[in-house]
Amino acid sequence: MNLRGDVTQAYFCPMKVIEAPKPVVRGPQVWPLGVKAYHALGDLGLIPEKTELLYGQVFHKMSKSPLHRFVSQRLLRALQRAKPPGCFIWQEQPLACGDSELEPDLSVICGNEDDFFTEHPTTAELVIEVCVSSHEYDRSKLRAYASAGVKECWLVLGPEKQIEVHRQPQGEQFAEHAFHGPGGSLNSTAVPSFTVELDRLFTA
């Protein structure tokens, strides 16, 4: 009410509500692990057993099916018969590939085992990965193998009864890529004495 006694209408301006800025939520950052750190953490028991280091990240290795074991052992025996002089064969042993430390199912290494008393091999003549349910994971290793100068890499595809072959490493990739099978035979160019009959490989 004013001094004359009449009623005046009150007007209110609506208040504008300003929201506080929302915090920026960032996803977890992944810090790559070097090979030396991988070894140090393993020595302290902080890295589980049955792992691989791939591009700075630790991956748990999959359990092996009967088919995986059967094909791996058959390939091992064939490689042992065909082993060229000046080379040795390793089964699931480390191969140092830059920022990765992989354990291929089979590898043919040039030299003598005593040459690697203090360091892991850094390349191979031939690497074999048996794939039953790990096709894409094993294919993701190809860049590491090519970068390490592995001459030839076989991905043995158990369910398909095929072998995927990668040859001629050039930088981070292989220049040659081919599928073999089902059926027929496959000869390694890196280990010329090693030939596999695919029907026999995948048949009990």
Protein backbone atom coordinates (compact mmCIF):
# COMPACT_ATOMS: atom_id res chain seq x y z
CA MET A 1 0.00 0.00 0.00
CA ASN A 2 1.33 3.50 -0.87
CA LEU A 3 0.96 6.78 1.05
CA ARG A 4 -2.46 7.48 -0.54
CA GLY A 5 -3.81 4.20 0.72
CA ASP A 6 -4.32 2.51 -2.60
CA VAL A 7 -3.02 -0.91 -3.23
CA THR A 8 -0.26 -1.34 -5.75
CA GLN A 9 0.47 -4.59 -7.51
CA ALA A 10 3.84 -6.07 -6.90
CA TYR A 11 5.81 -7.37 -9.83
CA PHE A 12 8.55 -9.92 -9.52
CA CYS A 13 11.12 -10.64 -12.18
CA PRO A 14 11.67 -14.37 -12.61
CA MET A 15 15.09 -15.42 -11.38
CA LYS A 16 17.24 -17.14 -13.92
CA VAL A 17 18.80 -20.26 -12.50
CA ILE A 18 22.36 -20.84 -13.67
CA GLU A 19 23.46 -24.43 -13.42
CA ALA A 20 26.89 -25.15 -12.13
CA PRO A 21 29.20 -26.50 -14.81
CA LYS A 22 29.24 -30.27 -14.88
CA PRO A 23 32.58 -31.88 -14.15
CA VAL A 24 34.27 -33.44 -17.15
CA VAL A 25 34.35 -37.18 -16.64
CA ARG A 26 37.25 -38.89 -18.32
CA GLY A 27 37.66 -42.58 -18.83
CA PRO A 28 40.47 -44.45 -17.13
CA GLN A 29 43.84 -43.83 -18.69
CA VAL A 30 45.87 -46.81 -19.80
CA TRP A 31 49.58 -46.49 -19.14
CA PRO A 32 51.61 -48.86 -21.30
CA LEU A 33 53.88 -51.24 -19.45
CA GLY A 34 57.44 -51.66 -20.64
CA VAL A 35 59.11 -55.04 -20.93
CA LYS A 36 61.47 -54.34 -18.02
CA ALA A 37 58.57 -53.28 -15.80
CA TYR A 38 56.64 -56.37 -16.88
CA HIS A 39 59.55 -58.55 -15.76
CA ALA A 40 60.00 -56.63 -12.50
CA LEU A 41 56.32 -56.93 -11.58
CA GLY A 42 56.40 -60.61 -12.51
CA ASP A 43 59.40 -61.20 -10.23
CA LEU A 44 57.44 -59.58 -7.39
CA GLY A 45 54.47 -61.87 -8.04
CA LEU A 46 52.28 -58.95 -9.13
CA ILE A 47 51.67 -60.31 -12.65
CA PRO A 48 49.61 -63.51 -12.85
CA GLU A 49 51.06 -66.55 -14.54
CA LYS A 50 50.08 -67.43 -18.12
CA THR A 51 50.13 -63.89 -19.45
CA GLU A 52 51.57 -62.10 -22.47
CA LEU A 53 52.64 -58.50 -22.95
CA LEU A 54 51.13 -57.12 -26.15
CA TYR A 55 51.77 -53.48 -27.13
CA GLY A 56 52.38 -52.52 -23.50
CA GLN A 57 49.27 -54.25 -22.12
CA VAL A 58 49.08 -57.52 -20.19
CA PHE A 59 46.71 -60.18 -21.51
CA HIS A 60 45.79 -63.42 -19.81
CA LYS A 61 46.37 -66.42 -22.07
CA MET A 62 43.35 -68.57 -22.85
CA SER A 63 43.07 -72.13 -21.64
CA LYS A 64 43.79 -74.78 -24.26
CA SER A 65 41.12 -77.01 -25.72
CA PRO A 66 41.83 -80.65 -26.65
CA LEU A 67 41.91 -79.60 -30.33
CA HIS A 68 44.50 -76.92 -29.59
CA ARG A 69 46.68 -79.37 -27.71
CA PHE A 70 46.30 -82.08 -30.38
CA VAL A 71 47.25 -79.80 -33.30
CA SER A 72 50.12 -78.14 -31.38
CA GLN A 73 51.71 -81.47 -30.46
CA ARG A 74 51.38 -82.82 -33.99
CA LEU A 75 53.05 -79.67 -35.39
CA LEU A 76 55.80 -79.89 -32.77
CA ARG A 77 56.68 -83.45 -33.76
CA ALA A 78 56.73 -82.49 -37.45
CA LEU A 79 58.97 -79.50 -36.73
CA GLN A 80 61.35 -81.61 -34.68
CA ARG A 81 61.78 -83.99 -37.63
CA ALA A 82 62.36 -81.07 -40.03
CA LYS A 83 64.53 -78.88 -37.78
CA PRO A 84 67.22 -77.24 -39.91
CA PRO A 85 70.83 -77.14 -38.69
CA GLY A 86 71.72 -74.05 -36.70
CA CYS A 87 68.20 -73.62 -35.34
CA PHE A 88 66.19 -74.81 -32.35
CA ILE A 89 62.48 -75.13 -31.60
CA TRP A 90 60.67 -73.57 -28.66
CA GLN A 91 57.17 -74.27 -27.43
CA GLU A 92 55.37 -71.43 -25.66
CA GLN A 93 58.56 -69.59 -24.78
CA PRO A 94 59.01 -65.79 -24.78
CA LEU A 95 59.87 -63.82 -27.89
CA ALA A 96 60.74 -60.16 -27.26
CA CYS A 97 59.13 -57.97 -29.93
CA GLY A 98 59.67 -54.31 -29.02
CA ASP A 99 56.91 -53.33 -26.57
CA SER A 100 55.56 -56.88 -26.60
CA GLU A 101 56.70 -60.16 -25.12
CA LEU A 102 54.78 -62.95 -26.77
CA GLU A 103 54.76 -66.71 -26.22
CA PRO A 104 53.85 -68.31 -29.55
CA ASP A 105 52.71 -71.91 -29.52
CA LEU A 106 55.78 -72.85 -31.57
CA SER A 107 58.78 -70.94 -32.84
CA VAL A 108 61.90 -71.80 -34.81
CA ILE A 109 64.83 -69.70 -33.60
CA CYS A 110 68.13 -69.28 -35.41
CA GLY A 111 71.15 -69.96 -33.21
CA ASN A 112 71.75 -72.04 -30.11
CA GLU A 113 69.70 -72.05 -26.91
CA ASP A 114 72.85 -71.07 -24.97
CA ASP A 115 72.90 -67.80 -26.94
CA PHE A 116 69.83 -66.69 -25.00
CA PHE A 117 70.95 -67.38 -21.45
CA THR A 118 70.37 -63.77 -20.34
CA GLU A 119 68.02 -62.37 -23.00
CA HIS A 120 65.01 -63.63 -24.89
CA PRO A 121 65.21 -64.00 -28.67
CA THR A 122 64.02 -60.91 -30.55
CA THR A 123 63.00 -62.59 -33.79
CA ALA A 124 62.33 -66.02 -35.33
CA GLU A 125 62.49 -67.83 -38.62
CA LEU A 126 58.97 -69.21 -38.17
CA VAL A 127 56.23 -68.58 -35.61
CA ILE A 128 53.11 -70.75 -35.32
CA GLU A 129 49.96 -69.78 -33.41
CA VAL A 130 47.19 -72.38 -33.12
CA CYS A 131 43.77 -70.67 -33.17
CA VAL A 132 40.70 -72.49 -31.95
CA SER A 133 38.74 -69.61 -30.45
CA SER A 134 41.43 -66.90 -30.38
CA HIS A 135 41.53 -65.91 -34.06
CA GLU A 136 41.28 -62.13 -33.65
CA TYR A 137 43.62 -61.98 -30.67
CA ASP A 138 46.28 -63.96 -32.52
CA ARG A 139 45.82 -61.79 -35.62
CA SER A 140 46.42 -58.73 -33.46
CA LYS A 141 49.93 -60.05 -32.78
CA LEU A 142 50.91 -59.89 -36.45
CA ARG A 143 52.09 -56.28 -36.24
CA ALA A 144 54.44 -57.20 -33.40
CA TYR A 145 55.80 -60.21 -35.28
CA ALA A 146 56.30 -58.22 -38.48
CA SER A 147 58.04 -55.40 -36.58
CA ALA A 148 60.38 -57.98 -35.03
CA GLY A 149 61.33 -59.28 -38.48
CA VAL A 150 59.80 -62.75 -38.06
CA LYS A 151 60.20 -64.25 -41.52
CA GLU A 152 57.02 -66.31 -41.56
CA CYS A 153 53.97 -66.61 -39.34
CA TRP A 154 51.36 -69.36 -39.47
CA LEU A 155 47.94 -68.99 -37.88
CA VAL A 156 46.61 -72.54 -37.75
CA LEU A 157 42.81 -72.24 -37.79
CA GLY A 158 41.57 -75.39 -36.09
CA PRO A 159 37.79 -75.20 -36.68
CA GLU A 160 38.26 -74.18 -40.33
CA LYS A 161 41.02 -76.75 -40.98
CA GLN A 162 43.04 -74.02 -42.68
CA ILE A 163 46.39 -72.32 -42.22
CA GLU A 164 46.67 -68.56 -42.66
CA VAL A 165 50.22 -67.71 -43.75
CA HIS A 166 51.97 -64.34 -43.47
CA ARG A 167 55.37 -63.79 -45.05
CA GLN A 168 57.85 -61.05 -46.02
CA PRO A 169 57.80 -58.64 -43.05
CA GLN A 170 57.96 -55.00 -44.11
CA GLY A 171 57.80 -52.52 -41.27
CA GLU A 172 54.72 -53.26 -39.20
CA GLN A 173 53.03 -55.65 -41.60
CA PHE A 174 53.60 -58.69 -43.77
CA ALA A 175 53.60 -58.15 -47.52
CA GLU A 176 52.34 -61.64 -48.35
CA HIS A 177 49.14 -63.14 -46.95
CA ALA A 178 47.45 -66.36 -48.06
CA PHE A 179 45.03 -69.05 -46.87
CA HIS A 180 45.75 -72.75 -47.39
CA GLY A 181 43.21 -75.56 -47.05
CA PRO A 182 41.10 -77.33 -46.28
CA GLY A 183 43.17 -80.12 -47.75
CA GLY A 184 46.39 -79.95 -49.70
CA SER A 185 49.90 -79.39 -48.38
CA LEU A 186 51.85 -76.39 -47.16
CA ASN A 187 55.59 -75.88 -47.31
CA SER A 188 57.37 -73.29 -45.20
CA THR A 189 59.64 -70.92 -47.09
CA ALA A 190 61.50 -69.93 -43.91
CA VAL A 191 62.08 -73.58 -42.95
CA PRO A 192 62.10 -75.33 -46.36
CA SER A 193 62.36 -78.83 -44.84
CA PHE A 194 59.04 -78.33 -43.03
CA THR A 195 55.93 -79.46 -44.95
CA VAL A 196 52.47 -80.11 -43.54
CA GLU A 197 49.68 -82.21 -45.02
CA LEU A 198 46.56 -80.41 -43.84
CA ASP A 199 44.19 -83.37 -43.92
CA ARG A 200 46.59 -85.39 -41.79
CA LEU A 201 47.18 -82.45 -39.41
CA PHE A 202 43.51 -82.06 -38.55
CA THR A 203 42.54 -85.76 -38.50
CA ALA A 204 43.00 -88.10 -35.56
